[in-house]
Amino acid sequence: MDEIRWYAARLDLPLIATAEGAVIILRLAIIHDSRLFVLRKEQADIAAAKQSARDFENTLEEGIQFGLDKALQDIKAAKEERETQMAAMECEERELRRRLSVASLPLELYHPEV
């Protein structure tokens, strides 16, 4: 439970003392950490593409242009991959936050028949 409290505080989430609330908080923490990983991976991919363009044979103009084109394609692919992954995580995060807000309602509002 201490780990869940820590994640809830870290992500500024309400602490819900139910199994469902704990699962949602942990899943939101995973999404948060995954976002950081995706951003770091994109930065590494871009740095690698730039380095490969610098390392490419600089003897022929066509070779230079090919290296630059390849680097730009790699950078574009890294950005598209990040955007796709981030969009999926944002969609899941919205749904989890909605579920967490419903789980935090008083029992009478959550289950009107009670």
Protein backbone atom coordinates (compact mmCIF):
# COMPACT_ATOMS: atom_id res chain seq x y z
CA MET A 1 0.00 0.00 0.00
CA ASP A 2 2.96 2.33 0.62
CA GLU A 3 3.98 1.98 -3.03
CA ILE A 4 0.47 2.92 -4.15
CA ARG A 5 0.46 5.95 -1.82
CA TRP A 6 3.83 7.00 -3.28
CA TYR A 7 2.59 6.69 -6.88
CA ALA A 8 -0.66 8.51 -6.07
CA ALA A 9 1.29 11.40 -4.54
CA ARG A 10 3.84 11.41 -7.37
CA LEU A 11 1.12 11.59 -10.03
CA ASP A 12 -1.20 13.86 -8.01
CA LEU A 13 -4.01 11.28 -7.96
CA PRO A 14 -6.67 10.67 -5.33
CA LEU A 15 -5.82 7.67 -3.16
CA ILE A 16 -8.67 5.17 -3.48
CA ALA A 17 -8.54 2.40 -0.88
CA THR A 18 -9.99 -0.29 -3.13
CA ALA A 19 -8.38 -2.96 -5.26
CA GLU A 20 -9.70 -1.29 -8.41
CA GLY A 21 -8.31 2.08 -7.33
CA ALA A 22 -4.91 0.53 -6.59
CA VAL A 23 -4.80 -1.19 -9.98
CA ILE A 24 -5.72 2.05 -11.77
CA ILE A 25 -3.07 4.03 -9.88
CA LEU A 26 -0.40 1.44 -10.71
CA ARG A 27 -1.45 1.38 -14.38
CA LEU A 28 -1.27 5.20 -14.54
CA ALA A 29 2.23 5.03 -13.02
CA ILE A 30 3.25 2.54 -15.71
CA ILE A 31 1.90 4.85 -18.42
CA HIS A 32 3.81 7.78 -16.91
CA ASP A 33 7.07 5.82 -16.87
CA SER A 34 6.40 4.48 -20.38
CA ARG A 35 6.02 8.03 -21.67
CA LEU A 36 9.42 8.91 -20.27
CA PHE A 37 10.91 5.80 -21.91
CA VAL A 38 9.32 6.62 -25.29
CA LEU A 39 10.67 10.18 -25.17
CA ARG A 40 14.16 8.95 -24.26
CA LYS A 41 14.04 6.36 -27.04
CA GLU A 42 13.01 9.00 -29.57
CA GLN A 43 15.89 11.23 -28.47
CA ALA A 44 18.33 8.31 -28.78
CA ASP A 45 16.99 7.42 -32.25
CA ILE A 46 17.36 11.02 -33.41
CA ALA A 47 20.90 11.25 -32.00
CA ALA A 48 21.82 7.97 -33.73
CA ALA A 49 20.40 9.23 -37.04
CA LYS A 50 22.37 12.47 -36.76
CA GLN A 51 25.54 10.58 -35.90
CA SER A 52 25.11 8.21 -38.84
CA ALA A 53 24.74 11.22 -41.14
CA ARG A 54 27.98 12.66 -39.75
CA ASP A 55 29.79 9.32 -40.11
CA PHE A 56 28.64 8.74 -43.69
CA GLU A 57 31.24 8.81 -46.46
CA ASN A 58 31.77 12.41 -47.39
CA THR A 59 33.54 11.68 -50.66
CA LEU A 60 30.63 11.88 -53.08
CA GLU A 61 27.86 14.44 -53.15
CA GLU A 62 25.30 11.66 -53.81
CA GLY A 63 26.61 9.78 -50.78
CA ILE A 64 26.23 12.82 -48.60
CA GLN A 65 22.69 13.42 -49.84
CA PHE A 66 21.82 9.74 -49.32
CA GLY A 67 23.14 9.89 -45.76
CA LEU A 68 21.15 13.03 -45.00
CA ASP A 69 17.99 11.60 -46.56
CA LYS A 70 18.39 8.40 -44.53
CA ALA A 71 18.92 10.40 -41.32
CA LEU A 72 15.82 12.51 -42.01
CA GLN A 73 13.76 9.36 -42.68
CA ASP A 74 15.00 7.81 -39.43
CA ILE A 75 14.14 10.98 -37.49
CA LYS A 76 10.68 11.12 -39.07
CA ALA A 77 10.09 7.43 -38.26
CA ALA A 78 11.17 7.98 -34.64
CA LYS A 79 8.79 10.93 -34.28
CA GLU A 80 5.88 9.02 -35.85
CA GLU A 81 6.51 6.04 -33.57
CA ARG A 82 6.56 8.33 -30.53
CA GLU A 83 3.35 10.07 -31.60
CA THR A 84 1.58 6.74 -32.10
CA GLN A 85 2.70 5.37 -28.74
CA MET A 86 1.92 8.62 -26.90
CA ALA A 87 -1.57 8.82 -28.43
CA ALA A 88 -2.34 5.27 -27.30
CA MET A 89 -1.06 5.99 -23.79
CA GLU A 90 -3.04 9.26 -23.59
CA CYS A 91 -6.23 7.46 -24.59
CA GLU A 92 -5.67 4.77 -21.98
CA GLU A 93 -4.77 7.38 -19.37
CA ARG A 94 -8.01 9.32 -20.00
CA GLU A 95 -10.04 6.13 -19.54
CA LEU A 96 -8.17 5.18 -16.36
CA ARG A 97 -8.56 8.68 -14.89
CA ARG A 98 -12.28 8.54 -15.68
CA ARG A 99 -12.53 5.17 -13.93
CA LEU A 100 -10.54 6.50 -10.98
CA SER A 101 -12.82 9.52 -10.62
CA VAL A 102 -15.88 7.24 -10.67
CA ALA A 103 -14.25 4.96 -8.09
CA SER A 104 -13.64 7.97 -5.83
CA LEU A 105 -17.33 8.90 -5.70
CA PRO A 106 -19.18 8.20 -2.45
CA LEU A 107 -20.80 4.76 -2.45
CA GLU A 108 -24.30 6.27 -2.67
CA LEU A 109 -23.42 8.04 -5.94
CA TYR A 110 -21.42 5.13 -7.33
CA HIS A 111 -24.23 2.66 -6.62
CA PRO A 112 -27.49 4.65 -6.34
CA GLU A 113 -29.45 1.58 -5.20
CA VAL A 114 -27.48 1.43 -1.91
